[in-house]
Full PDB file with SEQRES, HELIX, SHEET, SSBOND, CRYST1, ORIGX, SCALE, CONECT and MASTER records, all heavy atoms in Angstrom:
SEQRES   1 A   28  GLU GLN VAL ARG GLY PRO VAL PHE LEU HIS TRP LEU GLY          
SEQRES   2 A   28  PRO MET PHE LEU ALA SER LEU GLU GLY TYR PHE PRO GLY          
SEQRES   3 A   28  ARG SER                                                      
HELIX    1 AA1 ALA A   18  LEU A   20  5                                   3    
CRYST1    1.000    1.000    1.000  90.00  90.00  90.00 P 1           1          
ORIGX1      1.000000  0.000000  0.000000        0.00000                         
ORIGX2      0.000000  1.000000  0.000000        0.00000                         
ORIGX3      0.000000  0.000000  1.000000        0.00000                         
SCALE1      1.000000  0.000000  0.000000        0.00000                         
SCALE2      0.000000  1.000000  0.000000        0.00000                         
SCALE3      0.000000  0.000000  1.000000        0.00000                         
ATOM      1  N   GLU A   1      75.856 -20.628 -21.325  1.00  0.00           N  
ATOM      2  CA  GLU A   1      75.613 -22.025 -21.718  1.00  0.00           C  
ATOM      3  C   GLU A   1      75.658 -22.977 -20.515  1.00  0.00           C  
ATOM      4  O   GLU A   1      75.000 -24.031 -20.505  1.00  0.00           O  
ATOM      5  CB  GLU A   1      76.682 -22.505 -22.731  1.00  0.00           C  
ATOM      6  CG  GLU A   1      76.419 -21.985 -24.153  1.00  0.00           C  
ATOM      7  CD  GLU A   1      77.517 -22.488 -25.085  1.00  0.00           C  
ATOM      8  OE1 GLU A   1      78.421 -23.218 -24.647  1.00  0.00           O  
ATOM      9  OE2 GLU A   1      77.434 -22.112 -26.281  1.00  0.00           O  
ATOM     10  N   GLN A   2      76.397 -22.610 -19.480  1.00  0.00           N  
ATOM     11  CA  GLN A   2      76.633 -23.494 -18.369  1.00  0.00           C  
ATOM     12  C   GLN A   2      75.952 -23.112 -17.066  1.00  0.00           C  
ATOM     13  O   GLN A   2      76.087 -23.850 -16.057  1.00  0.00           O  
ATOM     14  CB  GLN A   2      78.135 -23.661 -18.131  1.00  0.00           C  
ATOM     15  CG  GLN A   2      78.842 -24.308 -19.343  1.00  0.00           C  
ATOM     16  CD  GLN A   2      80.318 -24.576 -19.019  1.00  0.00           C  
ATOM     17  OE1 GLN A   2      80.611 -25.389 -18.151  1.00  0.00           O  
ATOM     18  NE2 GLN A   2      81.207 -23.929 -19.748  1.00  0.00           N  
ATOM     19  N   VAL A   3      75.317 -21.936 -17.014  1.00  0.00           N  
ATOM     20  CA  VAL A   3      74.577 -21.581 -15.789  1.00  0.00           C  
ATOM     21  C   VAL A   3      73.110 -21.891 -16.057  1.00  0.00           C  
ATOM     22  O   VAL A   3      72.633 -21.870 -17.198  1.00  0.00           O  
ATOM     23  CB  VAL A   3      74.773 -20.088 -15.441  1.00  0.00           C  
ATOM     24  CG1 VAL A   3      76.249 -19.826 -15.125  1.00  0.00           C  
ATOM     25  CG2 VAL A   3      74.259 -19.172 -16.506  1.00  0.00           C  
ATOM     26  N   ARG A   4      72.395 -22.183 -14.979  1.00  0.00           N  
ATOM     27  CA  ARG A   4      71.020 -22.599 -15.140  1.00  0.00           C  
ATOM     28  C   ARG A   4      70.033 -21.438 -15.202  1.00  0.00           C  
ATOM     29  O   ARG A   4      68.886 -21.607 -15.634  1.00  0.00           O  
ATOM     30  CB  ARG A   4      70.670 -23.585 -14.035  1.00  0.00           C  
ATOM     31  CG  ARG A   4      70.541 -22.978 -12.672  1.00  0.00           C  
ATOM     32  CD  ARG A   4      70.282 -24.062 -11.630  1.00  0.00           C  
ATOM     33  NE  ARG A   4      69.952 -23.485 -10.327  1.00  0.00           N  
ATOM     34  CZ  ARG A   4      70.010 -24.163  -9.210  1.00  0.00           C  
ATOM     35  NH1 ARG A   4      70.353 -25.456  -9.207  1.00  0.00           N  
ATOM     36  NH2 ARG A   4      69.718 -23.600  -8.049  1.00  0.00           N  
ATOM     37  N   GLY A   5      70.414 -20.249 -14.718  1.00  0.00           N  
ATOM     38  CA  GLY A   5      69.516 -19.115 -14.701  1.00  0.00           C  
ATOM     39  C   GLY A   5      68.471 -19.227 -13.631  1.00  0.00           C  
ATOM     40  O   GLY A   5      68.300 -20.322 -13.009  1.00  0.00           O  
ATOM     41  N   PRO A   6      67.800 -18.109 -13.316  1.00  0.00           N  
ATOM     42  CA  PRO A   6      67.984 -16.820 -13.987  1.00  0.00           C  
ATOM     43  C   PRO A   6      69.289 -16.139 -13.515  1.00  0.00           C  
ATOM     44  O   PRO A   6      69.784 -16.433 -12.450  1.00  0.00           O  
ATOM     45  CB  PRO A   6      66.757 -16.048 -13.508  1.00  0.00           C  
ATOM     46  CG  PRO A   6      66.455 -16.572 -12.155  1.00  0.00           C  
ATOM     47  CD  PRO A   6      66.763 -18.059 -12.258  1.00  0.00           C  
ATOM     48  N   VAL A   7      69.754 -15.220 -14.347  1.00  0.00           N  
ATOM     49  CA  VAL A   7      70.890 -14.358 -13.975  1.00  0.00           C  
ATOM     50  C   VAL A   7      70.607 -12.925 -14.431  1.00  0.00           C  
ATOM     51  O   VAL A   7      69.763 -12.693 -15.290  1.00  0.00           O  
ATOM     52  CB  VAL A   7      72.198 -14.842 -14.632  1.00  0.00           C  
ATOM     53  CG1 VAL A   7      72.543 -16.258 -14.219  1.00  0.00           C  
ATOM     54  CG2 VAL A   7      72.155 -14.718 -16.135  1.00  0.00           C  
ATOM     55  N   PHE A   8      71.300 -12.001 -13.814  1.00  0.00           N  
ATOM     56  CA  PHE A   8      71.330 -10.637 -14.261  1.00  0.00           C  
ATOM     57  C   PHE A   8      72.738 -10.323 -14.745  1.00  0.00           C  
ATOM     58  O   PHE A   8      73.724 -10.952 -14.304  1.00  0.00           O  
ATOM     59  CB  PHE A   8      70.961  -9.659 -13.104  1.00  0.00           C  
ATOM     60  CG  PHE A   8      69.624  -9.876 -12.550  1.00  0.00           C  
ATOM     61  CD1 PHE A   8      69.434 -10.012 -11.134  1.00  0.00           C  
ATOM     62  CD2 PHE A   8      68.476  -9.949 -13.304  1.00  0.00           C  
ATOM     63  CE1 PHE A   8      68.205 -10.198 -10.585  1.00  0.00           C  
ATOM     64  CE2 PHE A   8      67.202 -10.156 -12.788  1.00  0.00           C  
ATOM     65  CZ  PHE A   8      67.067 -10.264 -11.414  1.00  0.00           C  
ATOM     66  N   LEU A   9      72.875  -9.321 -15.583  1.00  0.00           N  
ATOM     67  CA  LEU A   9      74.175  -8.791 -15.918  1.00  0.00           C  
ATOM     68  C   LEU A   9      74.410  -7.498 -15.152  1.00  0.00           C  
ATOM     69  O   LEU A   9      73.479  -6.868 -14.702  1.00  0.00           O  
ATOM     70  CB  LEU A   9      74.266  -8.508 -17.451  1.00  0.00           C  
ATOM     71  CG  LEU A   9      73.961  -9.644 -18.407  1.00  0.00           C  
ATOM     72  CD1 LEU A   9      74.238  -9.199 -19.829  1.00  0.00           C  
ATOM     73  CD2 LEU A   9      74.726 -10.899 -18.075  1.00  0.00           C  
ATOM     74  N   HIS A  10      75.691  -7.090 -15.066  1.00  0.00           N  
ATOM     75  CA  HIS A  10      76.000  -5.810 -14.421  1.00  0.00           C  
ATOM     76  C   HIS A  10      76.928  -5.054 -15.372  1.00  0.00           C  
ATOM     77  O   HIS A  10      77.951  -5.575 -15.790  1.00  0.00           O  
ATOM     78  CB  HIS A  10      76.666  -6.036 -13.085  1.00  0.00           C  
ATOM     79  CG  HIS A  10      76.817  -4.751 -12.328  1.00  0.00           C  
ATOM     80  ND1 HIS A  10      77.640  -4.615 -11.229  1.00  0.00           N  
ATOM     81  CD2 HIS A  10      76.282  -3.532 -12.493  1.00  0.00           C  
ATOM     82  CE1 HIS A  10      77.581  -3.399 -10.753  1.00  0.00           C  
ATOM     83  NE2 HIS A  10      76.776  -2.726 -11.528  1.00  0.00           N  
ATOM     84  N   TRP A  11      76.556  -3.808 -15.650  1.00  0.00           N  
ATOM     85  CA  TRP A  11      77.351  -2.929 -16.474  1.00  0.00           C  
ATOM     86  C   TRP A  11      77.795  -1.754 -15.607  1.00  0.00           C  
ATOM     87  O   TRP A  11      77.006  -0.895 -15.274  1.00  0.00           O  
ATOM     88  CB  TRP A  11      76.539  -2.435 -17.675  1.00  0.00           C  
ATOM     89  CG  TRP A  11      77.336  -1.706 -18.725  1.00  0.00           C  
ATOM     90  CD1 TRP A  11      78.631  -1.284 -18.646  1.00  0.00           C  
ATOM     91  CD2 TRP A  11      76.884  -1.310 -20.010  1.00  0.00           C  
ATOM     92  NE1 TRP A  11      79.020  -0.658 -19.779  1.00  0.00           N  
ATOM     93  CE2 TRP A  11      77.969  -0.674 -20.659  1.00  0.00           C  
ATOM     94  CE3 TRP A  11      75.680  -1.457 -20.677  1.00  0.00           C  
ATOM     95  CZ2 TRP A  11      77.860  -0.138 -21.947  1.00  0.00           C  
ATOM     96  CZ3 TRP A  11      75.566  -0.927 -21.967  1.00  0.00           C  
ATOM     97  CH2 TRP A  11      76.641  -0.274 -22.580  1.00  0.00           C  
ATOM     98  N   LEU A  12      79.025  -1.788 -15.186  1.00  0.00           N  
ATOM     99  CA  LEU A  12      79.591  -0.795 -14.263  1.00  0.00           C  
ATOM    100  C   LEU A  12      80.459   0.173 -15.106  1.00  0.00           C  
ATOM    101  O   LEU A  12      81.255  -0.249 -15.925  1.00  0.00           O  
ATOM    102  CB  LEU A  12      80.446  -1.464 -13.236  1.00  0.00           C  
ATOM    103  CG  LEU A  12      80.972  -0.594 -12.059  1.00  0.00           C  
ATOM    104  CD1 LEU A  12      79.824  -0.199 -11.157  1.00  0.00           C  
ATOM    105  CD2 LEU A  12      82.046  -1.362 -11.275  1.00  0.00           C  
ATOM    106  N   GLY A  13      80.277   1.448 -14.869  1.00  0.00           N  
ATOM    107  CA  GLY A  13      80.987   2.475 -15.657  1.00  0.00           C  
ATOM    108  C   GLY A  13      82.383   2.697 -15.139  1.00  0.00           C  
ATOM    109  O   GLY A  13      82.741   2.392 -13.987  1.00  0.00           O  
ATOM    110  N   PRO A  14      83.233   3.338 -15.964  1.00  0.00           N  
ATOM    111  CA  PRO A  14      84.632   3.588 -15.591  1.00  0.00           C  
ATOM    112  C   PRO A  14      84.802   4.627 -14.460  1.00  0.00           C  
ATOM    113  O   PRO A  14      85.870   4.722 -13.891  1.00  0.00           O  
ATOM    114  CB  PRO A  14      85.284   4.118 -16.894  1.00  0.00           C  
ATOM    115  CG  PRO A  14      84.105   4.618 -17.703  1.00  0.00           C  
ATOM    116  CD  PRO A  14      82.968   3.743 -17.346  1.00  0.00           C  
ATOM    117  N   MET A  15      83.733   5.343 -14.151  1.00  0.00           N  
ATOM    118  CA  MET A  15      83.849   6.267 -13.005  1.00  0.00           C  
ATOM    119  C   MET A  15      83.954   5.532 -11.679  1.00  0.00           C  
ATOM    120  O   MET A  15      84.407   6.059 -10.692  1.00  0.00           O  
ATOM    121  CB  MET A  15      82.685   7.266 -12.980  1.00  0.00           C  
ATOM    122  CG  MET A  15      81.295   6.652 -12.735  1.00  0.00           C  
ATOM    123  SD  MET A  15      80.730   5.652 -14.136  1.00  0.00           S  
ATOM    124  CE  MET A  15      80.636   6.922 -15.396  1.00  0.00           C  
ATOM    125  N   PHE A  16      83.515   4.271 -11.661  1.00  0.00           N  
ATOM    126  CA  PHE A  16      83.678   3.435 -10.494  1.00  0.00           C  
ATOM    127  C   PHE A  16      84.968   2.628 -10.558  1.00  0.00           C  
ATOM    128  O   PHE A  16      85.581   2.372  -9.547  1.00  0.00           O  
ATOM    129  CB  PHE A  16      82.491   2.452 -10.388  1.00  0.00           C  
ATOM    130  CG  PHE A  16      81.190   3.103 -10.075  1.00  0.00           C  
ATOM    131  CD1 PHE A  16      80.191   3.219 -11.012  1.00  0.00           C  
ATOM    132  CD2 PHE A  16      80.930   3.614  -8.799  1.00  0.00           C  
ATOM    133  CE1 PHE A  16      78.946   3.801 -10.728  1.00  0.00           C  
ATOM    134  CE2 PHE A  16      79.748   4.218  -8.492  1.00  0.00           C  
ATOM    135  CZ  PHE A  16      78.746   4.283  -9.463  1.00  0.00           C  
ATOM    136  N   LEU A  17      85.353   2.223 -11.785  1.00  0.00           N  
ATOM    137  CA  LEU A  17      86.562   1.445 -11.944  1.00  0.00           C  
ATOM    138  C   LEU A  17      87.157   1.784 -13.338  1.00  0.00           C  
ATOM    139  O   LEU A  17      86.566   1.399 -14.352  1.00  0.00           O  
ATOM    140  CB  LEU A  17      86.219  -0.056 -11.861  1.00  0.00           C  
ATOM    141  CG  LEU A  17      87.380  -1.048 -11.789  1.00  0.00           C  
ATOM    142  CD1 LEU A  17      88.220  -0.813 -10.495  1.00  0.00           C  
ATOM    143  CD2 LEU A  17      86.885  -2.500 -11.810  1.00  0.00           C  
ATOM    144  N   ALA A  18      88.251   2.494 -13.326  1.00  0.00           N  
ATOM    145  CA  ALA A  18      88.812   3.047 -14.559  1.00  0.00           C  
ATOM    146  C   ALA A  18      89.096   1.991 -15.609  1.00  0.00           C  
ATOM    147  O   ALA A  18      89.003   2.225 -16.834  1.00  0.00           O  
ATOM    148  CB  ALA A  18      90.057   3.844 -14.264  1.00  0.00           C  
ATOM    149  N   SER A  19      89.443   0.772 -15.175  1.00  0.00           N  
ATOM    150  CA  SER A  19      89.811  -0.276 -16.120  1.00  0.00           C  
ATOM    151  C   SER A  19      88.612  -0.779 -16.925  1.00  0.00           C  
ATOM    152  O   SER A  19      88.773  -1.624 -17.816  1.00  0.00           O  
ATOM    153  CB  SER A  19      90.458  -1.461 -15.390  1.00  0.00           C  
ATOM    154  OG  SER A  19      89.618  -1.988 -14.389  1.00  0.00           O  
ATOM    155  N   LEU A  20      87.404  -0.303 -16.604  1.00  0.00           N  
ATOM    156  CA  LEU A  20      86.216  -0.723 -17.355  1.00  0.00           C  
ATOM    157  C   LEU A  20      85.877   0.237 -18.498  1.00  0.00           C  
ATOM    158  O   LEU A  20      84.783   0.143 -19.076  1.00  0.00           O  
ATOM    159  CB  LEU A  20      85.018  -0.841 -16.412  1.00  0.00           C  
ATOM    160  CG  LEU A  20      85.109  -2.004 -15.387  1.00  0.00           C  
ATOM    161  CD1 LEU A  20      83.908  -1.939 -14.437  1.00  0.00           C  
ATOM    162  CD2 LEU A  20      85.189  -3.345 -16.061  1.00  0.00           C  
ATOM    163  N   GLU A  21      86.790   1.143 -18.818  1.00  0.00           N  
ATOM    164  CA  GLU A  21      86.572   2.053 -19.969  1.00  0.00           C  
ATOM    165  C   GLU A  21      86.376   1.204 -21.244  1.00  0.00           C  
ATOM    166  O   GLU A  21      87.172   0.336 -21.560  1.00  0.00           O  
ATOM    167  CB  GLU A  21      87.767   2.957 -20.142  1.00  0.00           C  
ATOM    168  CG  GLU A  21      87.583   4.004 -21.225  1.00  0.00           C  
ATOM    169  CD  GLU A  21      86.535   5.042 -20.881  1.00  0.00           C  
ATOM    170  OE1 GLU A  21      86.590   5.562 -19.755  1.00  0.00           O  
ATOM    171  OE2 GLU A  21      85.697   5.313 -21.745  1.00  0.00           O  
ATOM    172  N   GLY A  22      85.256   1.475 -21.950  1.00  0.00           N  
ATOM    173  CA  GLY A  22      84.985   0.737 -23.178  1.00  0.00           C  
ATOM    174  C   GLY A  22      84.326  -0.610 -22.997  1.00  0.00           C  
ATOM    175  O   GLY A  22      84.302  -1.426 -23.959  1.00  0.00           O  
ATOM    176  N   TYR A  23      83.811  -0.891 -21.815  1.00  0.00           N  
ATOM    177  CA  TYR A  23      83.188  -2.175 -21.562  1.00  0.00           C  
ATOM    178  C   TYR A  23      81.936  -2.314 -22.457  1.00  0.00           C  
ATOM    179  O   TYR A  23      81.275  -1.347 -22.774  1.00  0.00           O  
ATOM    180  CB  TYR A  23      82.769  -2.318 -20.092  1.00  0.00           C  
ATOM    181  CG  TYR A  23      82.671  -3.741 -19.654  1.00  0.00           C  
ATOM    182  CD1 TYR A  23      83.800  -4.467 -19.310  1.00  0.00           C  
ATOM    183  CD2 TYR A  23      81.486  -4.400 -19.562  1.00  0.00           C  
ATOM    184  CE1 TYR A  23      83.758  -5.810 -18.907  1.00  0.00           C  
ATOM    185  CE2 TYR A  23      81.359  -5.716 -19.152  1.00  0.00           C  
ATOM    186  CZ  TYR A  23      82.506  -6.407 -18.845  1.00  0.00           C  
ATOM    187  OH  TYR A  23      82.446  -7.734 -18.465  1.00  0.00           O  
ATOM    188  N   PHE A  24      81.638  -3.542 -22.854  1.00  0.00           N  
ATOM    189  CA  PHE A  24      80.565  -3.863 -23.798  1.00  0.00           C  
ATOM    190  C   PHE A  24      80.731  -3.039 -25.103  1.00  0.00           C  
ATOM    191  O   PHE A  24      79.916  -2.218 -25.447  1.00  0.00           O  
ATOM    192  CB  PHE A  24      79.167  -3.640 -23.201  1.00  0.00           C  
ATOM    193  CG  PHE A  24      78.752  -4.645 -22.189  1.00  0.00           C  
ATOM    194  CD1 PHE A  24      78.257  -4.269 -20.955  1.00  0.00           C  
ATOM    195  CD2 PHE A  24      78.825  -6.023 -22.485  1.00  0.00           C  
ATOM    196  CE1 PHE A  24      77.859  -5.232 -20.029  1.00  0.00           C  
ATOM    197  CE2 PHE A  24      78.433  -6.969 -21.549  1.00  0.00           C  
ATOM    198  CZ  PHE A  24      77.938  -6.585 -20.319  1.00  0.00           C  
ATOM    199  N   PRO A  25      81.815  -3.287 -25.845  1.00  0.00           N  
ATOM    200  CA  PRO A  25      82.055  -2.533 -27.087  1.00  0.00           C  
ATOM    201  C   PRO A  25      81.014  -2.841 -28.167  1.00  0.00           C  
ATOM    202  O   PRO A  25      80.421  -3.922 -28.180  1.00  0.00           O  
ATOM    203  CB  PRO A  25      83.434  -3.027 -27.507  1.00  0.00           C  
ATOM    204  CG  PRO A  25      83.553  -4.388 -26.929  1.00  0.00           C  
ATOM    205  CD  PRO A  25      82.846  -4.328 -25.603  1.00  0.00           C  
ATOM    206  N   GLY A  26      80.817  -1.895 -29.052  1.00  0.00           N  
ATOM    207  CA  GLY A  26      79.907  -2.064 -30.163  1.00  0.00           C  
ATOM    208  C   GLY A  26      78.511  -2.432 -29.691  1.00  0.00           C  
ATOM    209  O   GLY A  26      77.946  -1.798 -28.802  1.00  0.00           O  
ATOM    210  N   ARG A  27      77.945  -3.454 -30.289  1.00  0.00           N  
ATOM    211  CA  ARG A  27      76.572  -3.924 -29.948  1.00  0.00           C  
ATOM    212  C   ARG A  27      76.658  -5.154 -29.038  1.00  0.00           C  
ATOM    213  O   ARG A  27      75.660  -5.892 -28.913  1.00  0.00           O  
ATOM    214  CB  ARG A  27      75.813  -4.255 -31.212  1.00  0.00           C  
ATOM    215  CG  ARG A  27      75.515  -3.078 -32.128  1.00  0.00           C  
ATOM    216  CD  ARG A  27      74.551  -3.496 -33.253  1.00  0.00           C  
ATOM    217  NE  ARG A  27      73.296  -4.042 -32.741  1.00  0.00           N  
ATOM    218  CZ  ARG A  27      72.990  -5.345 -32.743  1.00  0.00           C  
ATOM    219  NH1 ARG A  27      73.854  -6.253 -33.211  1.00  0.00           N  
ATOM    220  NH2 ARG A  27      71.806  -5.745 -32.290  1.00  0.00           N  
ATOM    221  N   SER A  28      77.782  -5.344 -28.366  1.00  0.00           N  
ATOM    222  CA  SER A  28      77.926  -6.547 -27.561  1.00  0.00           C  
ATOM    223  C   SER A  28      76.876  -6.676 -26.479  1.00  0.00           C  
ATOM    224  O   SER A  28      76.349  -7.764 -26.203  1.00  0.00           O  
ATOM    225  CB  SER A  28      79.324  -6.661 -26.987  1.00  0.00           C  
ATOM    226  OG  SER A  28      79.631  -5.525 -26.191  1.00  0.00           O  
TER     227      SER A  28                                                      
MASTER        0    0    0    1    0    0    0    6  226    1    0    3          
END                                                                             
C-alpha cells in the first residue's frame, strides 16, 4: 500500500536460512 512499485518478492528456502521453514503458508 505504501511503496510506489515496481517491486519483486523473494521466496528463500530454509536450506539457506533455517528460520524460513514454512514461509508463505497456505495460499499466502
